[in-house]
Protein backbone atom coordinates (compact mmCIF):
# COMPACT_ATOMS: atom_id res chain seq x y z
CA MET A 1 26.74 -13.70 -48.02
CA LYS A 2 25.27 -10.66 -48.38
CA LEU A 3 22.32 -12.41 -47.23
CA VAL A 4 23.59 -13.78 -44.34
CA ASP A 5 25.23 -10.42 -43.37
CA HIS A 6 21.53 -8.60 -43.47
CA ASN A 7 20.26 -11.54 -41.54
CA LEU A 8 22.48 -11.47 -38.54
CA PRO A 9 20.81 -8.47 -37.16
CA VAL A 10 17.20 -9.87 -37.54
CA LEU A 11 18.78 -13.13 -35.65
CA ARG A 12 19.94 -10.93 -32.77
CA ALA A 13 16.96 -9.07 -32.68
CA VAL A 14 14.55 -11.67 -32.37
CA MET A 15 16.82 -13.48 -30.21
CA SER A 16 17.28 -11.03 -27.93
CA ALA A 17 13.21 -10.40 -27.09
CA VAL A 18 12.65 -14.01 -27.06
CA ARG A 19 16.05 -14.27 -24.33
CA GLU A 20 14.03 -11.19 -22.22
CA LYS A 21 10.24 -13.23 -22.42
CA LYS A 22 8.85 -9.99 -24.45
CA GLN A 23 5.34 -10.55 -25.33
CA LEU A 24 4.37 -11.36 -28.93
CA PRO A 25 3.67 -7.87 -30.16
CA GLU A 26 6.87 -6.67 -28.83
CA ILE A 27 8.90 -9.75 -30.54
CA LEU A 28 7.10 -9.54 -33.88
CA SER A 29 7.60 -5.43 -34.28
CA PRO A 30 11.60 -6.29 -34.66
CA ILE A 31 10.86 -8.80 -37.08
CA LEU A 32 8.70 -6.70 -39.47
CA GLU A 33 11.53 -3.69 -39.54
CA SER A 34 14.12 -5.88 -40.22
CA SER A 35 12.06 -7.02 -42.96
CA CYS A 36 10.88 -3.81 -44.69
CA THR A 37 14.53 -2.50 -44.42
CA LEU A 38 16.20 -5.50 -45.91
CA THR A 39 13.26 -5.87 -48.79
CA GLY A 40 12.92 -2.31 -49.10
CA ALA A 41 9.42 -2.59 -48.50
CA SER A 42 7.20 0.58 -47.48
CA ARG A 43 5.21 -1.77 -44.99
CA GLY A 44 4.42 -4.38 -42.91
CA SER A 45 1.98 -6.13 -41.07
CA PHE A 46 1.62 -9.56 -39.11
CA VAL A 47 -1.74 -10.90 -39.30
CA ILE A 48 -2.70 -14.27 -36.97
CA VAL A 49 -4.72 -16.65 -38.49
CA ASP A 50 -8.02 -17.77 -36.00
CA HIS A 51 -8.95 -20.91 -38.01
CA ASP A 52 -11.95 -21.75 -35.78
CA GLU A 53 -13.77 -18.49 -37.31
CA ARG A 54 -11.25 -18.66 -40.26
CA VAL A 55 -10.75 -14.99 -39.68
CA LEU A 56 -7.35 -12.96 -40.20
CA ARG A 57 -6.81 -9.84 -37.90
CA ILE A 58 -4.01 -7.72 -37.91
CA THR A 59 -1.92 -7.82 -34.81
CA ALA A 60 1.23 -5.75 -35.40
CA THR A 61 2.35 -2.79 -38.39
CA TYR A 62 5.51 -1.33 -39.36
CA GLY A 63 5.51 1.75 -41.89
CA ASP A 64 3.39 4.68 -42.38
CA GLY A 65 -0.23 4.85 -43.08
CA TRP A 66 -1.59 3.02 -40.60
CA THR A 67 -4.68 4.02 -39.24
CA ASP A 68 -6.88 2.46 -35.93
CA GLU A 69 -9.71 1.84 -38.82
CA ILE A 70 -7.54 -0.04 -41.02
CA ARG A 71 -5.79 -1.75 -38.19
CA GLY A 72 -9.15 -3.00 -37.31
CA ARG A 73 -10.17 -4.86 -40.86
CA THR A 74 -10.30 -8.28 -41.08
CA LEU A 75 -10.58 -11.06 -44.09
CA THR A 76 -11.56 -14.15 -44.15
CA VAL A 77 -9.69 -17.34 -44.98
CA GLY A 78 -9.11 -17.29 -48.75
CA GLU A 79 -9.84 -13.58 -49.74
CA GLY A 80 -7.03 -11.24 -51.33
CA LEU A 81 -3.30 -12.62 -51.34
CA THR A 82 -3.33 -13.10 -47.61
CA GLY A 83 -6.42 -15.04 -46.92
CA ARG A 84 -5.29 -17.20 -50.01
CA CYS A 85 -1.20 -17.93 -48.28
CA ALA A 86 -3.63 -18.38 -44.95
CA ARG A 87 -5.90 -21.20 -46.50
CA ASP A 88 -3.24 -23.18 -48.86
CA GLY A 89 0.30 -22.48 -46.36
CA GLN A 90 2.10 -20.99 -49.71
CA PRO A 91 4.01 -18.00 -49.98
CA VAL A 92 2.79 -15.29 -52.45
CA LEU A 93 5.18 -13.19 -54.64
CA CYS A 94 3.46 -10.52 -56.61
CA ASN A 95 4.96 -7.69 -58.42
CA ASP A 96 1.81 -6.24 -59.86
CA VAL A 97 -1.29 -6.25 -58.15
CA SER A 98 -3.22 -4.77 -60.96
CA HIS A 99 -3.19 -8.69 -62.52
CA GLU A 100 -4.45 -9.87 -59.16
CA LEU A 101 -8.45 -11.21 -59.58
CA GLY A 102 -9.86 -10.75 -55.94
CA TYR A 103 -6.74 -8.38 -55.03
CA VAL A 104 -8.04 -6.85 -51.91
CA SER A 105 -6.33 -3.31 -50.68
CA PHE A 106 -5.78 -1.07 -47.87
CA PHE A 107 -3.85 1.10 -48.88
CA GLU A 108 -3.80 2.90 -52.39
CA HIS A 109 -0.97 3.20 -55.01
CA VAL A 110 0.40 -0.74 -53.61
CA CYS A 111 1.86 -2.21 -56.64
CA SER A 112 4.13 -5.02 -55.46
CA GLU A 113 3.40 -7.69 -52.11
CA LEU A 114 4.98 -10.44 -50.85
CA VAL A 115 3.65 -12.98 -48.33
CA VAL A 116 4.64 -15.39 -46.40
CA PRO A 117 3.20 -18.17 -44.01
CA VAL A 118 4.56 -18.16 -40.26
CA PHE A 119 3.94 -22.22 -39.16
CA ILE A 120 3.63 -23.36 -35.82
CA ASP A 121 2.80 -27.21 -34.58
CA GLY A 122 2.21 -27.51 -38.74
CA SER A 123 -0.57 -25.14 -39.42
CA VAL A 124 -0.18 -21.58 -40.53
CA TRP A 125 -0.43 -19.42 -37.27
CA GLY A 126 0.06 -16.05 -38.86
CA VAL A 127 1.06 -14.50 -42.28
CA VAL A 128 3.71 -11.86 -42.71
CA ASN A 129 2.75 -9.33 -45.20
CA LEU A 130 5.00 -6.43 -47.09
CA ASP A 131 3.93 -4.19 -49.86
CA VAL A 132 5.80 -1.97 -51.72
CA HIS A 133 4.51 1.36 -53.96
CA ASN A 134 5.90 0.55 -57.30
CA THR A 135 6.01 -3.17 -59.95
CA HIS A 136 8.47 -5.56 -59.81
CA ALA A 137 9.73 -4.36 -56.11
CA PHE A 138 10.25 -8.24 -54.47
CA THR A 139 13.08 -10.81 -56.48
CA GLU A 140 13.06 -14.49 -55.01
CA ASP A 141 16.34 -13.41 -53.57
CA HIS A 142 13.38 -11.55 -51.15
CA LEU A 143 11.18 -14.32 -50.94
CA THR A 144 14.16 -16.78 -49.77
CA LEU A 145 15.13 -14.18 -47.00
CA MET A 146 11.61 -13.99 -45.80
CA LEU A 147 10.78 -17.14 -45.43
CA ILE A 148 14.27 -17.63 -43.58
CA LEU A 149 12.80 -14.90 -41.20
CA ALA A 150 9.25 -16.92 -41.31
CA GLU A 151 10.96 -19.54 -39.68
CA ILE A 152 12.97 -17.48 -37.12
CA ALA A 153 9.71 -15.62 -36.06
CA ALA A 154 7.84 -19.00 -35.79
CA PHE A 155 10.51 -20.24 -33.13
CA ALA A 156 10.06 -16.94 -31.46
CA ILE A 157 6.80 -16.91 -31.57
CA GLN A 158 6.50 -20.54 -30.41
CA GLN A 159 8.56 -20.35 -27.84
CA ARG A 160 6.33 -17.17 -26.42
CA VAL A 161 3.12 -18.87 -26.99
CA GLU A 162 4.22 -21.70 -24.52
CA THR A 163 6.08 -19.42 -21.71
CA GLU A 164 2.26 -18.04 -21.83
CA GLN A 165 0.38 -20.94 -21.63
CA HIS A 166 3.05 -22.16 -19.18
CA GLU A 167 2.58 -19.07 -16.94
CA ARG A 168 -1.50 -19.63 -17.18
CA LEU A 169 -1.03 -23.38 -16.37
CA GLN A 170 1.40 -22.37 -13.33
CA ALA A 171 -1.33 -19.88 -12.13
CA GLN A 172 -4.10 -21.82 -12.59
CA LEU A 173 -2.35 -24.98 -10.58
CA SER A 174 -1.12 -22.50 -7.98
CA GLN A 175 -4.59 -21.55 -7.21
CA THR A 176 -5.98 -25.16 -6.91
CA GLU A 177 -3.27 -26.12 -4.76
CA LYS A 178 -4.59 -23.23 -3.13
CA LEU A 179 -7.96 -24.27 -2.86
CA VAL A 180 -6.66 -28.06 -1.41
CA SER A 181 -5.54 -25.87 1.22
CA LEU A 182 -7.95 -23.84 1.62
CA GLY A 183 -10.48 -26.83 2.23
CA LYS A 184 -7.94 -28.29 4.60
CA ILE A 185 -8.08 -25.19 6.56
CA ILE A 186 -12.39 -24.83 6.37
CA ALA A 187 -12.04 -28.66 8.13
CA GLY A 188 -10.26 -27.41 10.65
CA ILE A 189 -11.84 -23.97 11.36
CA ALA A 190 -15.17 -24.97 10.75
CA HIS A 191 -15.06 -27.18 14.49
CA GLU A 192 -12.66 -24.60 15.76
CA ILE A 193 -14.67 -22.02 15.21
CA ASN A 194 -18.12 -23.30 16.18
CA ASN A 195 -16.20 -23.99 20.03
CA PRO A 196 -16.21 -19.92 20.92
CA LEU A 197 -19.86 -19.29 19.21
CA THR A 198 -21.16 -22.03 21.15
CA SER A 199 -19.88 -20.83 24.45
CA ILE A 200 -21.34 -17.07 22.97
CA VAL A 201 -24.77 -18.15 22.46
CA GLY A 202 -24.87 -20.23 25.47
CA HIS A 203 -23.54 -17.76 28.00
CA ALA A 204 -25.40 -14.85 26.28
CA GLN A 205 -28.48 -17.38 26.83
CA LEU A 206 -28.08 -17.66 30.66
CA LEU A 207 -27.78 -13.81 30.99
CA LEU A 208 -31.40 -13.62 29.75
CA LEU A 209 -32.10 -15.68 32.59
CA GLY A 210 -31.15 -11.97 34.50
CA ARG A 211 -28.97 -13.89 37.07
CA GLY A 212 -27.46 -10.68 37.66
CA GLY A 213 -24.02 -9.96 39.46
CA LYS A 214 -20.83 -11.55 39.40
CA GLU A 215 -22.10 -14.21 37.28
CA ASP A 216 -23.63 -12.05 34.23
CA GLU A 217 -19.93 -10.24 34.73
CA GLU A 218 -18.06 -13.41 33.74
CA SER A 219 -20.36 -14.21 30.93
CA LEU A 220 -19.87 -10.85 29.57
CA ASN A 221 -16.49 -11.38 29.63
CA ILE A 222 -16.42 -14.48 28.30
CA ILE A 223 -18.20 -13.39 25.60
CA LEU A 224 -15.76 -10.86 24.50
CA THR A 225 -12.60 -12.71 24.46
CA GLN A 226 -14.62 -15.51 22.42
CA SER A 227 -16.32 -13.19 20.05
CA GLU A 228 -12.60 -11.99 19.63
CA ARG A 229 -11.46 -15.89 18.94
CA ALA A 230 -13.84 -16.05 16.14
CA ALA A 231 -13.36 -12.95 14.50
CA SER A 232 -9.55 -13.78 14.22
CA LEU A 233 -10.30 -17.06 12.87
CA VAL A 234 -12.80 -15.81 10.58
CA HIS A 235 -10.39 -12.87 9.49
CA GLY A 236 -7.48 -15.07 8.63
CA LEU A 237 -9.45 -17.50 6.83
CA LEU A 238 -10.69 -14.75 4.47
CA ALA A 239 -7.40 -13.39 3.97
CA PHE A 240 -6.05 -16.39 2.68
CA ALA A 241 -8.87 -17.15 0.28
CA ARG A 242 -8.82 -13.94 -0.82
CA LYS A 243 -6.79 -13.75 -4.64
CA GLU A 244 -4.57 -11.19 -5.13
CA ALA A 245 -1.80 -9.79 -7.58
CA SER A 246 1.80 -10.72 -6.77
CA LYS A 247 2.34 -7.53 -5.26
CA LYS A 248 5.22 -7.81 -2.51
CA GLN A 249 6.05 -5.44 0.03
CA ILE A 250 8.33 -4.72 2.88
CA ILE A 251 6.69 -7.15 5.79
CA GLY A 252 7.78 -8.77 9.10
CA ILE A 253 8.84 -12.78 8.63
CA ASN A 254 7.85 -12.87 12.06
CA GLU A 255 4.30 -11.70 11.32
CA ILE A 256 3.97 -13.97 8.45
CA ILE A 257 4.47 -17.24 10.64
CA ARG A 258 2.26 -16.13 13.53
CA GLU A 259 -0.52 -15.56 10.91
CA VAL A 260 0.33 -19.08 9.57
CA VAL A 261 0.47 -21.00 12.70
CA ASN A 262 -2.90 -19.20 13.82
CA LEU A 263 -4.61 -20.55 10.68
CA SER A 264 -3.16 -23.84 10.64
CA ASP A 265 -3.61 -24.79 14.49
CA PRO A 266 -7.20 -25.22 14.51
CA GLN A 267 -6.58 -28.61 11.87
CA ALA A 268 -3.44 -29.37 13.78
CA LYS A 269 -5.20 -29.81 17.44
CA LEU A 270 -7.93 -31.97 15.85
CA SER A 271 -4.93 -34.36 15.47
CA ASP A 272 -3.52 -33.71 18.72
CA ILE A 273 -0.41 -31.48 17.18
CA LYS A 274 1.54 -29.19 18.75
CA PHE A 275 3.13 -25.94 17.44
CA VAL A 276 6.34 -24.70 19.09
CA CYS A 277 7.62 -21.68 17.58
CA ASP A 278 11.24 -20.09 18.08
CA LEU A 279 10.86 -17.17 16.40
CA ALA A 280 13.80 -14.40 16.32
CA PRO A 281 13.63 -11.56 19.05
CA ILE A 282 13.64 -9.04 15.85
CA SER A 283 10.85 -9.71 12.94
CA TYR A 284 13.60 -8.95 10.04
CA PRO A 285 11.94 -7.66 6.96
CA VAL A 286 11.87 -9.48 3.44
CA VAL A 287 10.39 -7.89 0.29
CA ALA A 288 7.64 -10.68 -0.28
CA ASN A 289 4.16 -10.96 -1.09
CA PHE A 290 2.25 -11.86 1.75
CA ARG A 291 -0.28 -14.05 0.81
CA GLU A 292 2.12 -16.08 -1.50
CA ILE A 293 4.67 -16.83 1.67
CA GLN A 294 1.69 -18.15 3.24
CA GLN A 295 0.88 -20.47 0.57
CA VAL A 296 3.81 -22.11 0.89
CA LEU A 297 4.56 -22.44 4.93
CA LEU A 298 0.74 -23.52 5.04
CA ASN A 299 1.90 -25.96 2.65
CA ILE A 300 4.61 -27.17 4.39
CA LEU A 301 2.91 -27.46 7.85
CA GLY A 302 0.11 -29.10 6.35
CA ASN A 303 2.28 -31.76 4.71
CA ALA A 304 3.98 -32.02 8.19
CA GLN A 305 1.04 -32.62 9.76
CA ASP A 306 0.22 -35.79 7.55
CA ALA A 307 3.40 -36.97 7.83
CA ILE A 308 3.01 -36.74 11.72
CA SER A 309 -0.38 -38.48 11.73
CA ARG A 310 0.82 -41.19 9.67
CA LEU A 311 3.68 -42.24 12.50
CA ARG A 312 1.64 -41.57 15.71
CA LYS A 313 -1.36 -40.75 17.27
CA THR A 314 -0.40 -38.47 20.12
CA GLY A 315 2.72 -36.48 20.89
CA GLY A 316 3.12 -34.89 17.27
CA GLU A 317 5.01 -31.58 17.46
CA ILE A 318 6.44 -29.12 14.48
CA HIS A 319 9.32 -26.70 15.65
CA ILE A 320 9.39 -23.33 13.68
CA THR A 321 12.41 -20.77 14.23
CA SER A 322 13.39 -17.67 12.47
CA ALA A 323 16.89 -16.64 12.37
CA ARG A 324 19.17 -14.16 10.51
CA HIS A 325 22.00 -15.42 8.58
CA GLU A 326 24.21 -12.56 7.21
CA ASP A 327 21.90 -10.86 4.23
CA LEU A 328 19.45 -14.29 4.70
CA ILE A 329 16.51 -15.03 6.53
CA HIS A 330 16.22 -18.75 7.42
CA ILE A 331 13.03 -20.05 8.31
CA SER A 332 12.87 -23.76 9.52
CA ILE A 333 10.33 -26.30 9.87
CA GLN A 334 11.01 -29.36 11.37
CA ASP A 335 8.56 -31.91 12.23
CA ASN A 336 8.64 -35.74 14.24
CA GLY A 337 6.54 -37.21 11.83
CA SER A 338 7.86 -40.54 9.69
CA GLY A 339 9.88 -38.45 7.84
CA ILE A 340 11.15 -39.12 4.01
CA PRO A 341 13.17 -41.57 2.23
CA PRO A 342 16.25 -40.78 0.32
CA GLU A 343 14.77 -41.94 -2.86
CA ILE A 344 11.81 -39.99 -2.49
CA LEU A 345 13.49 -37.13 -1.02
CA LYS A 346 15.30 -36.12 -4.55
CA GLN A 347 11.75 -36.04 -6.44
CA ILE A 348 9.92 -33.92 -3.21
CA PHE A 349 10.08 -30.73 -5.40
CA ASP A 350 9.02 -32.34 -8.95
CA PRO A 351 5.52 -31.36 -10.24
CA PHE A 352 3.24 -34.01 -9.87
CA PHE A 353 4.90 -36.08 -7.55
CA THR A 354 2.84 -37.35 -4.67
CA THR A 355 3.49 -39.92 -1.90
CA LYS A 356 -0.59 -39.13 -0.98
CA GLY A 357 -3.52 -42.04 -2.20
CA VAL A 358 -5.60 -41.05 -5.19
CA GLY A 359 -7.44 -38.11 -4.76
CA LYS A 360 -5.81 -37.26 -1.67
CA GLY A 361 -2.96 -35.00 -3.25
CA THR A 362 -2.05 -32.70 -6.58
CA GLY A 363 1.67 -33.07 -6.90
CA LEU A 364 1.89 -29.39 -6.84
CA GLY A 365 2.41 -27.83 -3.38
CA LEU A 366 6.25 -28.15 -3.02
CA SER A 367 6.53 -27.99 -6.72
CA ILE A 368 4.68 -24.57 -6.80
CA ALA A 369 6.34 -23.43 -3.58
CA HIS A 370 9.80 -24.16 -4.96
CA SER A 371 9.11 -21.88 -7.71
CA ILE A 372 7.28 -18.77 -4.92
CA ILE A 373 10.42 -18.44 -3.18
CA ALA A 374 12.49 -18.93 -6.47
CA GLN A 375 10.94 -15.62 -7.64
CA HIS A 376 11.34 -14.23 -4.35
CA GLY A 377 15.53 -14.64 -4.87
CA GLY A 378 15.57 -17.12 -2.21
CA THR A 379 15.72 -21.07 -1.73
CA LEU A 380 13.92 -23.97 -0.62
CA SER A 381 15.13 -26.71 0.58
CA ALA A 382 14.87 -30.31 2.82
CA GLU A 383 16.71 -32.78 4.93
CA SER A 384 15.08 -35.77 6.08
CA SER A 385 15.40 -39.48 6.80
CA GLN A 386 12.72 -42.07 7.54
CA GLY A 387 11.68 -42.60 10.55
CA ASN A 388 13.25 -39.27 11.64
CA GLY A 389 10.94 -36.57 10.41
CA ALA A 390 11.76 -33.78 8.43
CA THR A 391 12.94 -30.31 8.32
CA PHE A 392 12.46 -27.71 5.63
CA VAL A 393 14.46 -24.55 5.24
CA ILE A 394 12.94 -21.73 3.35
CA LYS A 395 15.87 -18.94 2.65
CA LEU A 396 14.81 -15.41 1.83
CA PRO A 397 17.27 -12.26 1.19
CA MET A 398 16.51 -9.36 3.81
CA ALA A 399 15.02 -6.34 3.37
CA GLY A 400 16.93 -2.87 4.30
CA ALA A 401 14.44 -2.19 7.76
CA ILE A 402 12.86 -3.54 10.70
CA ILE A 403 9.30 -3.60 11.17
CA GLU A 404 7.14 -3.45 13.68
CA PRO A 405 4.24 -5.95 14.79
CA GLN A 406 0.96 -4.51 13.99
CA GLN A 407 -2.16 -5.36 15.95
CA SER A 408 -4.91 -6.77 14.29
CA ARG A 409 -7.61 -4.18 13.04
CA VAL A 410 -10.34 -6.52 13.48
CA THR A 411 -9.57 -7.83 17.13
CA GLU A 412 -9.34 -3.90 17.67
CA LEU A 413 -12.49 -2.71 16.06
CA LEU A 414 -14.41 -5.72 17.79
CA ARG A 415 -12.99 -4.86 21.34
CA LYS A 416 -14.44 -1.30 20.99
CA GLU A 417 -17.62 -2.24 19.74
CA ILE A 418 -18.47 -5.02 22.47
CA ALA A 419 -17.22 -2.77 24.88
CA ASN A 420 -19.31 0.36 23.85
CA ALA A 421 -22.30 -2.31 23.45
CA GLN A 422 -25.52 -1.80 25.95
CA ILE A 423 -26.30 -5.40 26.92
CA HIS A 424 -29.48 -5.72 28.89
CA ALA A 425 -30.92 -9.14 30.89
CA LYS A 426 -34.31 -10.05 29.56
CA PRO A 427 -37.09 -11.48 31.68
CA LEU A 428 -37.40 -14.71 32.49
CA ASP A 429 -40.47 -15.46 30.63
CA SER A 430 -38.92 -14.74 27.38
CA MET A 431 -36.13 -17.55 27.73
CA PRO A 432 -36.85 -19.90 24.79
CA VAL A 433 -36.19 -22.89 27.48
CA ILE A 434 -38.87 -24.27 29.77
CA LEU A 435 -37.42 -25.67 33.00
CA ALA A 436 -37.63 -29.09 34.19
CA SER A 437 -39.81 -29.87 36.88
CA PRO A 438 -37.59 -32.02 39.97
CA ALA A 439 -37.67 -35.28 39.47
CA THR A 440 -37.80 -37.73 42.49
CA GLU A 441 -34.41 -39.19 41.09
CA ARG A 442 -31.88 -36.46 39.67
CA PRO A 443 -30.43 -37.84 36.85
CA HIS A 444 -26.74 -37.82 36.79
CA VAL A 445 -25.07 -36.07 33.03
CA LEU A 446 -21.17 -36.10 32.73
CA VAL A 447 -20.05 -33.43 30.36
CA VAL A 448 -17.09 -34.05 28.16
CA ASP A 449 -15.62 -31.49 26.37
CA ASP A 450 -11.86 -29.37 25.80
CA GLU A 451 -13.40 -25.83 25.67
CA PRO A 452 -13.92 -24.90 29.63
CA HIS A 453 -16.18 -22.28 28.28
CA ILE A 454 -18.58 -24.60 26.93
CA VAL A 455 -18.07 -27.04 29.93
CA SER A 456 -19.05 -24.14 32.45
CA TRP A 457 -22.32 -22.57 30.39
CA LEU A 458 -23.21 -26.34 30.02
CA THR A 459 -22.85 -27.47 33.44
CA GLU A 460 -24.77 -24.24 34.97
CA PHE A 461 -27.66 -24.80 33.05
CA LEU A 462 -27.98 -28.78 33.50
CA THR A 463 -27.71 -27.69 37.32
CA LEU A 464 -30.69 -25.28 37.12
CA LEU A 465 -32.56 -28.26 35.64
CA GLU A 466 -31.95 -29.74 38.47
CA PHE A 467 -29.42 -32.18 37.04
CA ASP A 468 -26.38 -33.61 38.78
CA VAL A 469 -23.34 -32.45 36.59
CA SER A 470 -19.57 -34.08 36.40
CA THR A 471 -17.28 -32.96 33.80
CA ALA A 472 -14.11 -34.21 32.05
CA CYS A 473 -12.21 -32.38 29.99
CA ASN A 474 -11.08 -34.80 27.79
CA GLY A 475 -11.34 -38.31 26.55
CA ASN A 476 -9.12 -40.15 28.93
CA GLU A 477 -10.47 -38.49 32.07
CA ALA A 478 -14.45 -39.06 31.14
CA LEU A 479 -13.28 -42.89 30.40
CA GLU A 480 -12.17 -43.35 33.72
CA LYS A 481 -15.13 -41.54 35.15
CA VAL A 482 -17.56 -43.89 32.95
CA ARG A 483 -16.06 -46.99 34.04
CA SER A 484 -16.62 -46.18 38.06
CA HIS A 485 -19.75 -45.02 37.82
CA LEU A 486 -23.00 -45.24 36.05
CA TYR A 487 -24.22 -41.90 34.44
CA GLN A 488 -27.74 -41.49 33.03
CA VAL A 489 -26.77 -38.94 29.70
CA VAL A 490 -22.93 -38.78 28.58
CA VAL A 491 -22.76 -35.06 26.51
CA SER A 492 -19.78 -35.41 24.87
CA ASP A 493 -18.15 -33.18 22.29
CA LEU A 494 -16.84 -35.35 18.91
CA ARG A 495 -13.46 -33.80 18.23
CA MET A 496 -10.92 -33.63 20.90
CA PRO A 497 -7.43 -34.03 21.64
CA GLY A 498 -6.12 -37.37 22.48
CA LEU A 499 -8.99 -39.95 23.04
CA ASP A 500 -11.65 -38.51 21.00
CA GLY A 501 -15.31 -38.93 21.86
CA LEU A 502 -15.43 -41.29 18.58
CA GLU A 503 -13.11 -43.13 20.59
CA PHE A 504 -14.53 -42.57 23.78
CA TYR A 505 -18.05 -43.91 22.89
CA ALA A 506 -16.42 -46.86 21.57
CA SER A 507 -14.96 -47.93 25.02
CA ALA A 508 -17.58 -46.65 27.33
CA LYS A 509 -20.04 -49.08 25.36
CA THR A 510 -17.30 -51.89 26.36
CA SER A 511 -17.74 -51.10 29.59
CA ASP A 512 -21.70 -50.94 30.02
CA LEU A 513 -23.44 -51.33 26.52
CA GLY A 514 -25.93 -49.53 28.21
CA TYR A 515 -23.98 -46.53 27.34
CA SER A 516 -24.83 -46.95 23.53
CA LYS A 517 -27.97 -45.42 23.25
CA ARG A 518 -26.94 -42.82 26.68
CA PHE A 519 -24.60 -39.97 24.74
CA VAL A 520 -25.66 -36.80 23.41
CA PHE A 521 -23.08 -35.99 20.96
CA ILE A 522 -22.03 -32.20 20.22
CA THR A 523 -19.93 -31.48 17.26
CA GLY A 524 -18.86 -28.65 15.02
CA ASP A 525 -17.78 -31.01 12.54
CA LEU A 526 -20.18 -32.15 10.39
CA ALA A 527 -18.26 -30.80 7.17
CA ARG A 528 -16.24 -34.12 7.84
CA GLN A 529 -17.63 -37.57 5.99
CA GLU A 530 -16.45 -39.58 8.78
CA THR A 531 -18.37 -37.51 11.20
CA ARG A 532 -21.55 -37.68 9.46
CA ASP A 533 -21.37 -41.87 9.34
CA PHE A 534 -20.32 -42.09 12.86
CA LEU A 535 -23.50 -40.17 13.81
CA GLN A 536 -25.66 -41.95 11.77
CA LYS A 537 -24.27 -45.57 12.74
CA THR A 538 -24.80 -44.59 16.47
CA GLN A 539 -28.19 -43.19 15.82
CA CYS A 540 -27.77 -41.14 19.18
CA PRO A 541 -28.80 -37.68 19.01
CA PHE A 542 -26.75 -34.83 18.26
CA LEU A 543 -26.33 -31.05 18.60
CA GLU A 544 -24.20 -29.01 16.05
CA LYS A 545 -22.28 -26.18 17.68
CA PRO A 546 -23.83 -23.42 18.38
CA PHE A 547 -26.85 -25.00 19.95
CA THR A 548 -29.44 -23.59 21.91
CA LEU A 549 -30.26 -24.43 25.82
CA LYS A 550 -33.45 -25.32 24.47
CA ALA A 551 -31.62 -27.86 21.88
CA VAL A 552 -29.36 -29.61 24.93
CA GLN A 553 -32.85 -30.08 27.12
CA GLU A 554 -34.61 -31.61 24.37
CA ALA A 555 -31.50 -33.97 23.64
CA ILE A 556 -31.06 -35.36 27.35
CA ASN A 557 -34.80 -35.63 27.66
CA LYS A 558 -34.72 -37.77 24.61
CA VAL A 559 -32.27 -40.19 26.06
CA LEU A 560 -33.81 -40.00 29.49
CA ALA A 561 -37.21 -40.80 27.54
CA ALA A 562 -35.55 -43.85 25.93
CA HIS A 563 -34.25 -45.25 28.97
CA GLU A 564 -37.09 -44.93 30.84
CA LYS A 565 -39.30 -46.64 27.89
CA LYS A 566 -36.62 -49.70 27.93
CA GLY A 567 -36.80 -49.75 31.58
């Protein structure tokens, strides 16, 4: 009964350490302290066994006389009493170390030593070592007590080791899921960022023509606005890609939502999906890690886009709202996609559960999102029915103050730099384009792009080359024009809302087979295998955004030359 009475405080101390998720040294210290108190030992140490290197290293100590030099000493497996216990997995009770051959002494005047193994998963994970200055200090009762304590230590250690492994795995999986989201974002931004760059390059080259007056002023304004647009995209991408520690601060919820929407918008446009934001007039503050909440929202928005794409070709919408309900801030994300069947809805937050095909989803996104929101003291829930879209609701505790939105520092600096820049038109002979001579019959070119600034500079340049130019802002409008008029060349973007360039090309060929070799494609989306396969199949010239005036002229001349040769 006395043994049990002595053991209860140790049990309480160890289990309290486990419950509080303390680190291993904090768990081992109370075990060593209690062991020495109950057995009358002068000193105690916990030694971890490295079976790969066959080395024993001191991890925790208790008692007097320990120095950094002594703590840094190591033993090999099988060396001394401690090494023998690690090798054989058997406890050692030695009441007179002077009779032990091969005894390794770390301290003077040690007479008795008690060594017990700690097993994890069937092998010796560590060793508890106790010593005292007089002989015959330890009894069989002490050995029994230490074996019990070793079992308690094993339980506590195993719980801590598994927790640390789980935390490392969760961090790795979270980063993996973040990279998956980053890949999707890059695919959209690779296309989107090349649009403003194409406008910048085109209008900058038009400035080299030295037109002067209002036309140059208009080009400069376009270059300014499109530079800001490109800088904003890059800023958002780099901010998301940056790996940051989980540091929480007071931030406005509307600012997080707006940045996520700006980051997701390029990818959504490719699928003709529109974001509709109805945010609270006040940006209510929450205590949160900006990048973690951003990751949660990006995952939910990405899933919503996938669900919409499975159900409809056009008319996709994602509604995002923010509102305050007492001390909670609610963020609602509702889509008009395919919805989630009841039997699947129950499992969507389970790790590794996914309805996507092999290689298209990790099954970790919503599980990690749920964990992140829980760590912020909030909840993440979902409501849906098959065919009627889905609604995800995030609830976060509100912080104590309201913050005002801040202007993007990147945009502000860029505006100042461009405003202060001195841009001078170069003479015409420095232009890297040879203007075409007037032809007996002016070729008619159709320019198709949903970016008006790209259409404007292409139209101006092709007009200078003595072409007749028609324009269309989307695939449907362009299709109507090719059905009513035969164009010598069609310059078409590939990725457009509604009828994209791939479908427009296929429909144009149906109207007139000759169009199969009259297209010049422009694209900023060569990262997609689908795009590369299409261009390879058509064998039509293509221009990768951003491109030069000279490249435009060469591509069009190539189509015209092939047409003349065939004729």
